Amino acid sequence: MGLNNYCALHTKMEQDECGRIFEKIFRQANGDWERFIAKLKKGSDPEDRNLIFVDSFEKVLKRFKINLHNDDKEKLVQSFPGRSEDGR
């Protein structure tokens, strides 16, 4: 999702905390988790289906009416680093 500023240990600790954020997303998906995951996969980077850019991720959240605080979004970006491309 994004580049991070953490050392490996700190990144692991943050990823563990992100479990809470994913639980929140799961609850807000209202039993439509499989379709939510399918939309994430569809919105993923064509060159690497294991990555999704933040703007694409936010579009999927919005489509499913899932609300995350900016702090939670930032924590996901920092905890699951990816590559940056054209300001994405």
PDB file of N, CA and C in Angstrom:
ATOM      1  N   MET A   1       0.816  -1.193   0.000  1.00  0.00           N
ATOM      2  CA  MET A   1       0.000   0.000   0.000  1.00  0.00           C
ATOM      3  C   MET A   1       0.861   1.259   0.000  1.00  0.00           C
ATOM      4  N   GLY A   2       1.949   1.255   0.738  1.00  0.00           N
ATOM      5  CA  GLY A   2       2.771   2.451   0.768  1.00  0.00           C
ATOM      6  C   GLY A   2       4.152   2.160   1.296  1.00  0.00           C
ATOM      7  N   LEU A   3       5.018   3.139   1.169  1.00  0.00           N
ATOM      8  CA  LEU A   3       6.366   3.029   1.717  1.00  0.00           C
ATOM      9  C   LEU A   3       6.285   3.322   3.207  1.00  0.00           C
ATOM     10  N   ASN A   4       7.135   2.672   4.012  1.00  0.00           N
ATOM     11  CA  ASN A   4       7.044   2.942   5.445  1.00  0.00           C
ATOM     12  C   ASN A   4       8.347   3.502   5.990  1.00  0.00           C
ATOM     13  N   ASN A   5       8.252   4.012   7.225  1.00  0.00           N
ATOM     14  CA  ASN A   5       9.392   4.625   7.889  1.00  0.00           C
ATOM     15  C   ASN A   5       9.811   3.839   9.121  1.00  0.00           C
ATOM     16  N   TYR A   6       9.393   2.575   9.236  1.00  0.00           N
ATOM     17  CA  TYR A   6       9.630   1.784  10.424  1.00  0.00           C
ATOM     18  C   TYR A   6      10.736   0.762  10.210  1.00  0.00           C
ATOM     19  N   CYS A   7      11.402   0.382  11.303  1.00  0.00           N
ATOM     20  CA  CYS A   7      12.330  -0.748  11.259  1.00  0.00           C
ATOM     21  C   CYS A   7      11.492  -2.027  11.203  1.00  0.00           C
ATOM     22  N   ALA A   8      12.140  -3.158  10.946  1.00  0.00           N
ATOM     23  CA  ALA A   8      11.414  -4.423  10.776  1.00  0.00           C
ATOM     24  C   ALA A   8      10.597  -4.793  12.019  1.00  0.00           C
ATOM     25  N   LEU A   9      11.155  -4.638  13.211  1.00  0.00           N
ATOM     26  CA  LEU A   9      10.432  -4.991  14.436  1.00  0.00           C
ATOM     27  C   LEU A   9       9.217  -4.092  14.636  1.00  0.00           C
ATOM     28  N   HIS A  10       9.399  -2.795  14.437  1.00  0.00           N
ATOM     29  CA  HIS A  10       8.291  -1.858  14.590  1.00  0.00           C
ATOM     30  C   HIS A  10       7.208  -2.150  13.550  1.00  0.00           C
ATOM     31  N   THR A  11       7.614  -2.476  12.342  1.00  0.00           N
ATOM     32  CA  THR A  11       6.643  -2.822  11.294  1.00  0.00           C
ATOM     33  C   THR A  11       5.820  -4.027  11.733  1.00  0.00           C
ATOM     34  N   LYS A  12       6.442  -5.051  12.302  1.00  0.00           N
ATOM     35  CA  LYS A  12       5.732  -6.245  12.769  1.00  0.00           C
ATOM     36  C   LYS A  12       4.747  -5.890  13.865  1.00  0.00           C
ATOM     37  N   MET A  13       5.152  -5.035  14.789  1.00  0.00           N
ATOM     38  CA  MET A  13       4.257  -4.619  15.870  1.00  0.00           C
ATOM     39  C   MET A  13       3.056  -3.866  15.311  1.00  0.00           C
ATOM     40  N   GLU A  14       3.290  -3.010  14.340  1.00  0.00           N
ATOM     41  CA  GLU A  14       2.199  -2.251  13.729  1.00  0.00           C
ATOM     42  C   GLU A  14       1.266  -3.173  12.937  1.00  0.00           C
ATOM     43  N   GLN A  15       1.836  -4.160  12.249  1.00  0.00           N
ATOM     44  CA  GLN A  15       1.011  -5.105  11.498  1.00  0.00           C
ATOM     45  C   GLN A  15       0.090  -5.875  12.434  1.00  0.00           C
ATOM     46  N   ASP A  16       0.596  -6.245  13.609  1.00  0.00           N
ATOM     47  CA  ASP A  16      -0.240  -6.935  14.582  1.00  0.00           C
ATOM     48  C   ASP A  16      -1.420  -6.062  15.003  1.00  0.00           C
ATOM     49  N   GLU A  17      -1.159  -4.778  15.199  1.00  0.00           N
ATOM     50  CA  GLU A  17      -2.245  -3.869  15.577  1.00  0.00           C
ATOM     51  C   GLU A  17      -3.239  -3.691  14.430  1.00  0.00           C
ATOM     52  N   CYS A  18      -2.771  -3.851  13.213  1.00  0.00           N
ATOM     53  CA  CYS A  18      -3.661  -3.709  12.063  1.00  0.00           C
ATOM     54  C   CYS A  18      -4.726  -4.802  12.033  1.00  0.00           C
ATOM     55  N   GLY A  19      -4.495  -5.884  12.760  1.00  0.00           N
ATOM     56  CA  GLY A  19      -5.532  -6.913  12.882  1.00  0.00           C
ATOM     57  C   GLY A  19      -6.837  -6.317  13.379  1.00  0.00           C
ATOM     58  N   ARG A  20      -6.741  -5.379  14.306  1.00  0.00           N
ATOM     59  CA  ARG A  20      -7.928  -4.688  14.834  1.00  0.00           C
ATOM     60  C   ARG A  20      -8.631  -3.899  13.725  1.00  0.00           C
ATOM     61  N   ILE A  21      -7.836  -3.276  12.884  1.00  0.00           N
ATOM     62  CA  ILE A  21      -8.411  -2.492  11.784  1.00  0.00           C
ATOM     63  C   ILE A  21      -9.107  -3.414  10.793  1.00  0.00           C
ATOM     64  N   PHE A  22      -8.494  -4.561  10.488  1.00  0.00           N
ATOM     65  CA  PHE A  22      -9.127  -5.502   9.563  1.00  0.00           C
ATOM     66  C   PHE A  22     -10.404  -6.097  10.160  1.00  0.00           C
ATOM     67  N   GLU A  23     -10.432  -6.298  11.476  1.00  0.00           N
ATOM     68  CA  GLU A  23     -11.670  -6.753  12.125  1.00  0.00           C
ATOM     69  C   GLU A  23     -12.769  -5.711  11.946  1.00  0.00           C
ATOM     70  N   LYS A  24     -12.398  -4.456  12.077  1.00  0.00           N
ATOM     71  CA  LYS A  24     -13.349  -3.358  11.895  1.00  0.00           C
ATOM     72  C   LYS A  24     -13.885  -3.352  10.455  1.00  0.00           C
ATOM     73  N   ILE A  25     -13.002  -3.532   9.495  1.00  0.00           N
ATOM     74  CA  ILE A  25     -13.411  -3.589   8.091  1.00  0.00           C
ATOM     75  C   ILE A  25     -14.346  -4.785   7.879  1.00  0.00           C
ATOM     76  N   PHE A  26     -13.985  -5.935   8.440  1.00  0.00           N
ATOM     77  CA  PHE A  26     -14.792  -7.150   8.309  1.00  0.00           C
ATOM     78  C   PHE A  26     -16.207  -6.910   8.831  1.00  0.00           C
ATOM     79  N   ARG A  27     -16.326  -6.306  10.016  1.00  0.00           N
ATOM     80  CA  ARG A  27     -17.647  -6.019  10.599  1.00  0.00           C
ATOM     81  C   ARG A  27     -18.447  -5.079   9.697  1.00  0.00           C
ATOM     82  N   GLN A  28     -17.790  -4.052   9.174  1.00  0.00           N
ATOM     83  CA  GLN A  28     -18.499  -3.071   8.352  1.00  0.00           C
ATOM     84  C   GLN A  28     -18.865  -3.630   6.977  1.00  0.00           C
ATOM     85  N   ALA A  29     -18.210  -4.699   6.551  1.00  0.00           N
ATOM     86  CA  ALA A  29     -18.532  -5.309   5.256  1.00  0.00           C
ATOM     87  C   ALA A  29     -19.886  -6.024   5.309  1.00  0.00           C
ATOM     88  N   ASN A  30     -20.460  -6.140   6.494  1.00  0.00           N
ATOM     89  CA  ASN A  30     -21.810  -6.689   6.672  1.00  0.00           C
ATOM     90  C   ASN A  30     -22.028  -8.037   5.994  1.00  0.00           C
ATOM     91  N   GLY A  31     -21.147  -8.970   6.235  1.00  0.00           N
ATOM     92  CA  GLY A  31     -21.321 -10.306   5.686  1.00  0.00           C
ATOM     93  C   GLY A  31     -21.024 -10.429   4.210  1.00  0.00           C
ATOM     94  N   ASP A  32     -20.508  -9.379   3.618  1.00  0.00           N
ATOM     95  CA  ASP A  32     -20.207  -9.385   2.192  1.00  0.00           C
ATOM     96  C   ASP A  32     -18.699  -9.444   1.978  1.00  0.00           C
ATOM     97  N   TRP A  33     -18.002 -10.161   2.858  1.00  0.00           N
ATOM     98  CA  TRP A  33     -16.545 -10.209   2.863  1.00  0.00           C
ATOM     99  C   TRP A  33     -15.983 -10.756   1.558  1.00  0.00           C
ATOM    100  N   GLU A  34     -16.572 -11.839   1.050  1.00  0.00           N
ATOM    101  CA  GLU A  34     -16.046 -12.445  -0.177  1.00  0.00           C
ATOM    102  C   GLU A  34     -16.118 -11.476  -1.351  1.00  0.00           C
ATOM    103  N   ARG A  35     -17.212 -10.754  -1.471  1.00  0.00           N
ATOM    104  CA  ARG A  35     -17.341  -9.774  -2.553  1.00  0.00           C
ATOM    105  C   ARG A  35     -16.373  -8.608  -2.336  1.00  0.00           C
ATOM    106  N   PHE A  36     -16.196  -8.211  -1.084  1.00  0.00           N
ATOM    107  CA  PHE A  36     -15.246  -7.149  -0.747  1.00  0.00           C
ATOM    108  C   PHE A  36     -13.838  -7.556  -1.183  1.00  0.00           C
ATOM    109  N   ILE A  37     -13.425  -8.764  -0.840  1.00  0.00           N
ATOM    110  CA  ILE A  37     -12.096  -9.260  -1.209  1.00  0.00           C
ATOM    111  C   ILE A  37     -11.965  -9.340  -2.725  1.00  0.00           C
ATOM    112  N   ALA A  38     -13.015  -9.784  -3.399  1.00  0.00           N
ATOM    113  CA  ALA A  38     -12.989  -9.865  -4.868  1.00  0.00           C
ATOM    114  C   ALA A  38     -12.773  -8.481  -5.479  1.00  0.00           C
ATOM    115  N   LYS A  39     -13.409  -7.465  -4.919  1.00  0.00           N
ATOM    116  CA  LYS A  39     -13.237  -6.095  -5.430  1.00  0.00           C
ATOM    117  C   LYS A  39     -11.828  -5.584  -5.147  1.00  0.00           C
ATOM    118  N   LEU A  40     -11.271  -5.946  -3.991  1.00  0.00           N
ATOM    119  CA  LEU A  40      -9.885  -5.563  -3.711  1.00  0.00           C
ATOM    120  C   LEU A  40      -8.949  -6.188  -4.731  1.00  0.00           C
ATOM    121  N   LYS A  41      -9.165  -7.473  -5.018  1.00  0.00           N
ATOM    122  CA  LYS A  41      -8.313  -8.152  -6.004  1.00  0.00           C
ATOM    123  C   LYS A  41      -8.461  -7.520  -7.378  1.00  0.00           C
ATOM    124  N   LYS A  42      -9.682  -7.161  -7.732  1.00  0.00           N
ATOM    125  CA  LYS A  42      -9.919  -6.525  -9.034  1.00  0.00           C
ATOM    126  C   LYS A  42      -9.224  -5.166  -9.106  1.00  0.00           C
ATOM    127  N   GLY A  43      -9.156  -4.464  -7.984  1.00  0.00           N
ATOM    128  CA  GLY A  43      -8.530  -3.143  -7.943  1.00  0.00           C
ATOM    129  C   GLY A  43      -7.034  -3.170  -7.691  1.00  0.00           C
ATOM    130  N   SER A  44      -6.477  -4.363  -7.572  1.00  0.00           N
ATOM    131  CA  SER A  44      -5.053  -4.468  -7.273  1.00  0.00           C
ATOM    132  C   SER A  44      -4.201  -4.090  -8.480  1.00  0.00           C
ATOM    133  N   ASP A  45      -2.926  -3.932  -8.229  1.00  0.00           N
ATOM    134  CA  ASP A  45      -1.963  -3.559  -9.263  1.00  0.00           C
ATOM    135  C   ASP A  45      -1.842  -4.695 -10.279  1.00  0.00           C
ATOM    136  N   PRO A  46      -2.085  -4.433 -11.556  1.00  0.00           N
ATOM    137  CA  PRO A  46      -2.002  -5.486 -12.569  1.00  0.00           C
ATOM    138  C   PRO A  46      -0.630  -6.157 -12.643  1.00  0.00           C
ATOM    139  N   GLU A  47       0.414  -5.437 -12.267  1.00  0.00           N
ATOM    140  CA  GLU A  47       1.762  -6.008 -12.304  1.00  0.00           C
ATOM    141  C   GLU A  47       2.067  -6.867 -11.077  1.00  0.00           C
ATOM    142  N   ASP A  48       1.353  -6.646  -9.994  1.00  0.00           N
ATOM    143  CA  ASP A  48       1.543  -7.417  -8.770  1.00  0.00           C
ATOM    144  C   ASP A  48       0.214  -7.473  -8.032  1.00  0.00           C
ATOM    145  N   ARG A  49      -0.514  -8.555  -8.208  1.00  0.00           N
ATOM    146  CA  ARG A  49      -1.853  -8.698  -7.630  1.00  0.00           C
ATOM    147  C   ARG A  49      -1.858  -8.756  -6.108  1.00  0.00           C
ATOM    148  N   ASN A  50      -0.671  -8.757  -5.487  1.00  0.00           N
ATOM    149  CA  ASN A  50      -0.594  -8.725  -4.030  1.00  0.00           C
ATOM    150  C   ASN A  50      -0.557  -7.302  -3.491  1.00  0.00           C
ATOM    151  N   LEU A  51      -0.522  -6.312  -4.379  1.00  0.00           N
ATOM    152  CA  LEU A  51      -0.474  -4.906  -3.982  1.00  0.00           C
ATOM    153  C   LEU A  51      -1.713  -4.177  -4.471  1.00  0.00           C
ATOM    154  N   ILE A  52      -2.144  -3.211  -3.672  1.00  0.00           N
ATOM    155  CA  ILE A  52      -3.219  -2.315  -4.095  1.00  0.00           C
ATOM    156  C   ILE A  52      -2.790  -0.910  -3.696  1.00  0.00           C
ATOM    157  N   PHE A  53      -2.955   0.026  -4.606  1.00  0.00           N
ATOM    158  CA  PHE A  53      -2.618   1.407  -4.296  1.00  0.00           C
ATOM    159  C   PHE A  53      -3.667   1.985  -3.354  1.00  0.00           C
ATOM    160  N   VAL A  54      -3.262   2.955  -2.556  1.00  0.00           N
ATOM    161  CA  VAL A  54      -4.131   3.538  -1.543  1.00  0.00           C
ATOM    162  C   VAL A  54      -5.406   4.093  -2.174  1.00  0.00           C
ATOM    163  N   ASP A  55      -5.296   4.788  -3.295  1.00  0.00           N
ATOM    164  CA  ASP A  55      -6.496   5.365  -3.902  1.00  0.00           C
ATOM    165  C   ASP A  55      -7.479   4.276  -4.330  1.00  0.00           C
ATOM    166  N   SER A  56      -6.989   3.163  -4.838  1.00  0.00           N
ATOM    167  CA  SER A  56      -7.864   2.054  -5.220  1.00  0.00           C
ATOM    168  C   SER A  56      -8.501   1.405  -3.989  1.00  0.00           C
ATOM    169  N   PHE A  57      -7.706   1.247  -2.933  1.00  0.00           N
ATOM    170  CA  PHE A  57      -8.207   0.695  -1.679  1.00  0.00           C
ATOM    171  C   PHE A  57      -9.328   1.568  -1.121  1.00  0.00           C
ATOM    172  N   GLU A  58      -9.124   2.875  -1.144  1.00  0.00           N
ATOM    173  CA  GLU A  58     -10.132   3.793  -0.626  1.00  0.00           C
ATOM    174  C   GLU A  58     -11.412   3.755  -1.456  1.00  0.00           C
ATOM    175  N   LYS A  59     -11.293   3.547  -2.766  1.00  0.00           N
ATOM    176  CA  LYS A  59     -12.483   3.423  -3.617  1.00  0.00           C
ATOM    177  C   LYS A  59     -13.308   2.204  -3.226  1.00  0.00           C
ATOM    178  N   VAL A  60     -12.633   1.103  -2.940  1.00  0.00           N
ATOM    179  CA  VAL A  60     -13.348  -0.109  -2.528  1.00  0.00           C
ATOM    180  C   VAL A  60     -14.017   0.110  -1.177  1.00  0.00           C
ATOM    181  N   LEU A  61     -13.301   0.736  -0.239  1.00  0.00           N
ATOM    182  CA  LEU A  61     -13.906   1.046   1.057  1.00  0.00           C
ATOM    183  C   LEU A  61     -15.165   1.882   0.880  1.00  0.00           C
ATOM    184  N   LYS A  62     -15.067   2.897   0.049  1.00  0.00           N
ATOM    185  CA  LYS A  62     -16.205   3.783  -0.177  1.00  0.00           C
ATOM    186  C   LYS A  62     -17.367   3.026  -0.806  1.00  0.00           C
ATOM    187  N   ARG A  63     -17.065   2.163  -1.762  1.00  0.00           N
ATOM    188  CA  ARG A  63     -18.109   1.384  -2.442  1.00  0.00           C
ATOM    189  C   ARG A  63     -18.900   0.523  -1.452  1.00  0.00           C
ATOM    190  N   PHE A  64     -18.225   0.029  -0.427  1.00  0.00           N
ATOM    191  CA  PHE A  64     -18.869  -0.819   0.576  1.00  0.00           C
ATOM    192  C   PHE A  64     -19.313  -0.020   1.803  1.00  0.00           C
ATOM    193  N   LYS A  65     -19.197   1.298   1.708  1.00  0.00           N
ATOM    194  CA  LYS A  65     -19.588   2.201   2.800  1.00  0.00           C
ATOM    195  C   LYS A  65     -18.852   1.868   4.095  1.00  0.00           C
ATOM    196  N   ILE A  66     -17.568   1.570   3.953  1.00  0.00           N
ATOM    197  CA  ILE A  66     -16.712   1.267   5.097  1.00  0.00           C
ATOM    198  C   ILE A  66     -15.946   2.531   5.457  1.00  0.00           C
ATOM    199  N   ASN A  67     -16.115   2.957   6.693  1.00  0.00           N
ATOM    200  CA  ASN A  67     -15.480   4.182   7.160  1.00  0.00           C
ATOM    201  C   ASN A  67     -14.307   3.852   8.065  1.00  0.00           C
ATOM    202  N   LEU A  68     -13.146   4.359   7.708  1.00  0.00           N
ATOM    203  CA  LEU A  68     -11.958   4.230   8.547  1.00  0.00           C
ATOM    204  C   LEU A  68     -11.443   5.617   8.863  1.00  0.00           C
ATOM    205  N   HIS A  69     -10.981   5.776  10.097  1.00  0.00           N
ATOM    206  CA  HIS A  69     -10.349   7.032  10.475  1.00  0.00           C
ATOM    207  C   HIS A  69      -9.040   7.175   9.710  1.00  0.00           C
ATOM    208  N   ASN A  70      -8.640   8.403   9.485  1.00  0.00           N
ATOM    209  CA  ASN A  70      -7.373   8.651   8.793  1.00  0.00           C
ATOM    210  C   ASN A  70      -6.198   8.002   9.513  1.00  0.00           C
ATOM    211  N   ASP A  71      -6.254   7.951  10.849  1.00  0.00           N
ATOM    212  CA  ASP A  71      -5.184   7.300  11.614  1.00  0.00           C
ATOM    213  C   ASP A  71      -5.078   5.821  11.255  1.00  0.00           C
ATOM    214  N   ASP A  72      -6.227   5.171  11.094  1.00  0.00           N
ATOM    215  CA  ASP A  72      -6.229   3.752  10.718  1.00  0.00           C
ATOM    216  C   ASP A  72      -5.687   3.558   9.307  1.00  0.00           C
ATOM    217  N   LYS A  73      -6.073   4.429   8.395  1.00  0.00           N
ATOM    218  CA  LYS A  73      -5.560   4.334   7.025  1.00  0.00           C
ATOM    219  C   LYS A  73      -4.048   4.513   7.008  1.00  0.00           C
ATOM    220  N   GLU A  74      -3.559   5.491   7.756  1.00  0.00           N
ATOM    221  CA  GLU A  74      -2.121   5.746   7.807  1.00  0.00           C
ATOM    222  C   GLU A  74      -1.376   4.559   8.413  1.00  0.00           C
ATOM    223  N   LYS A  75      -1.959   3.961   9.439  1.00  0.00           N
ATOM    224  CA  LYS A  75      -1.334   2.798  10.061  1.00  0.00           C
ATOM    225  C   LYS A  75      -1.221   1.649   9.057  1.00  0.00           C
ATOM    226  N   LEU A  76      -2.245   1.434   8.236  1.00  0.00           N
ATOM    227  CA  LEU A  76      -2.192   0.393   7.206  1.00  0.00           C
ATOM    228  C   LEU A  76      -1.091   0.691   6.192  1.00  0.00           C
ATOM    229  N   VAL A  77      -1.000   1.940   5.776  1.00  0.00           N
ATOM    230  CA  VAL A  77       0.024   2.330   4.797  1.00  0.00           C
ATOM    231  C   VAL A  77       1.418   2.106   5.365  1.00  0.00           C
ATOM    232  N   GLN A  78       1.619   2.493   6.616  1.00  0.00           N
ATOM    233  CA  GLN A  78       2.932   2.355   7.230  1.00  0.00           C
ATOM    234  C   GLN A  78       3.283   0.901   7.549  1.00  0.00           C
ATOM    235  N   SER A  79       2.276   0.094   7.801  1.00  0.00           N
ATOM    236  CA  SER A  79       2.514  -1.283   8.224  1.00  0.00           C
ATOM    237  C   SER A  79       2.658  -2.269   7.077  1.00  0.00           C
ATOM    238  N   PHE A  80       2.111  -1.924   5.937  1.00  0.00           N
ATOM    239  CA  PHE A  80       2.176  -2.819   4.785  1.00  0.00           C
ATOM    240  C   PHE A  80       2.770  -2.055   3.605  1.00  0.00           C
ATOM    241  N   PRO A  81       4.095  -1.921   3.626  1.00  0.00           N
ATOM    242  CA  PRO A  81       4.742  -1.099   2.604  1.00  0.00           C
ATOM    243  C   PRO A  81       4.650  -1.721   1.217  1.00  0.00           C
ATOM    244  N   GLY A  82       4.609  -0.874   0.266  1.00  0.00           N
ATOM    245  CA  GLY A  82       4.615  -1.278  -1.128  1.00  0.00           C
ATOM    246  C   GLY A  82       5.475  -0.308  -1.893  1.00  0.00           C
ATOM    247  N   ARG A  83       5.195  -0.169  -3.140  1.00  0.00           N
ATOM    248  CA  ARG A  83       5.972   0.795  -3.918  1.00  0.00           C
ATOM    249  C   ARG A  83       5.131   2.029  -4.195  1.00  0.00           C
ATOM    250  N   SER A  84       5.798   3.108  -4.460  1.00  0.00           N
ATOM    251  CA  SER A  84       5.128   4.365  -4.782  1.00  0.00           C
ATOM    252  C   SER A  84       5.260   4.571  -6.283  1.00  0.00           C
ATOM    253  N   GLU A  85       4.193   5.010  -6.897  1.00  0.00           N
ATOM    254  CA  GLU A  85       4.212   5.218  -8.335  1.00  0.00           C
ATOM    255  C   GLU A  85       3.375   6.445  -8.685  1.00  0.00           C
ATOM    256  N   ASP A  86       3.994   7.429  -9.278  1.00  0.00           N
ATOM    257  CA  ASP A  86       3.289   8.622  -9.725  1.00  0.00           C
ATOM    258  C   ASP A  86       2.424   9.234  -8.627  1.00  0.00           C
ATOM    259  N   GLY A  87       2.970   9.316  -7.406  1.00  0.00           N
ATOM    260  CA  GLY A  87       2.246   9.942  -6.315  1.00  0.00           C
ATOM    261  C   GLY A  87       1.113   9.126  -5.749  1.00  0.00           C
ATOM    262  N   ARG A  88       1.022   7.871  -6.133  1.00  0.00           N
ATOM    263  CA  ARG A  88      -0.054   7.003  -5.628  1.00  0.00           C
ATOM    264  C   ARG A  88       0.377   6.333  -4.359  1.00  0.00           C
TER     265      ARG A  88
END
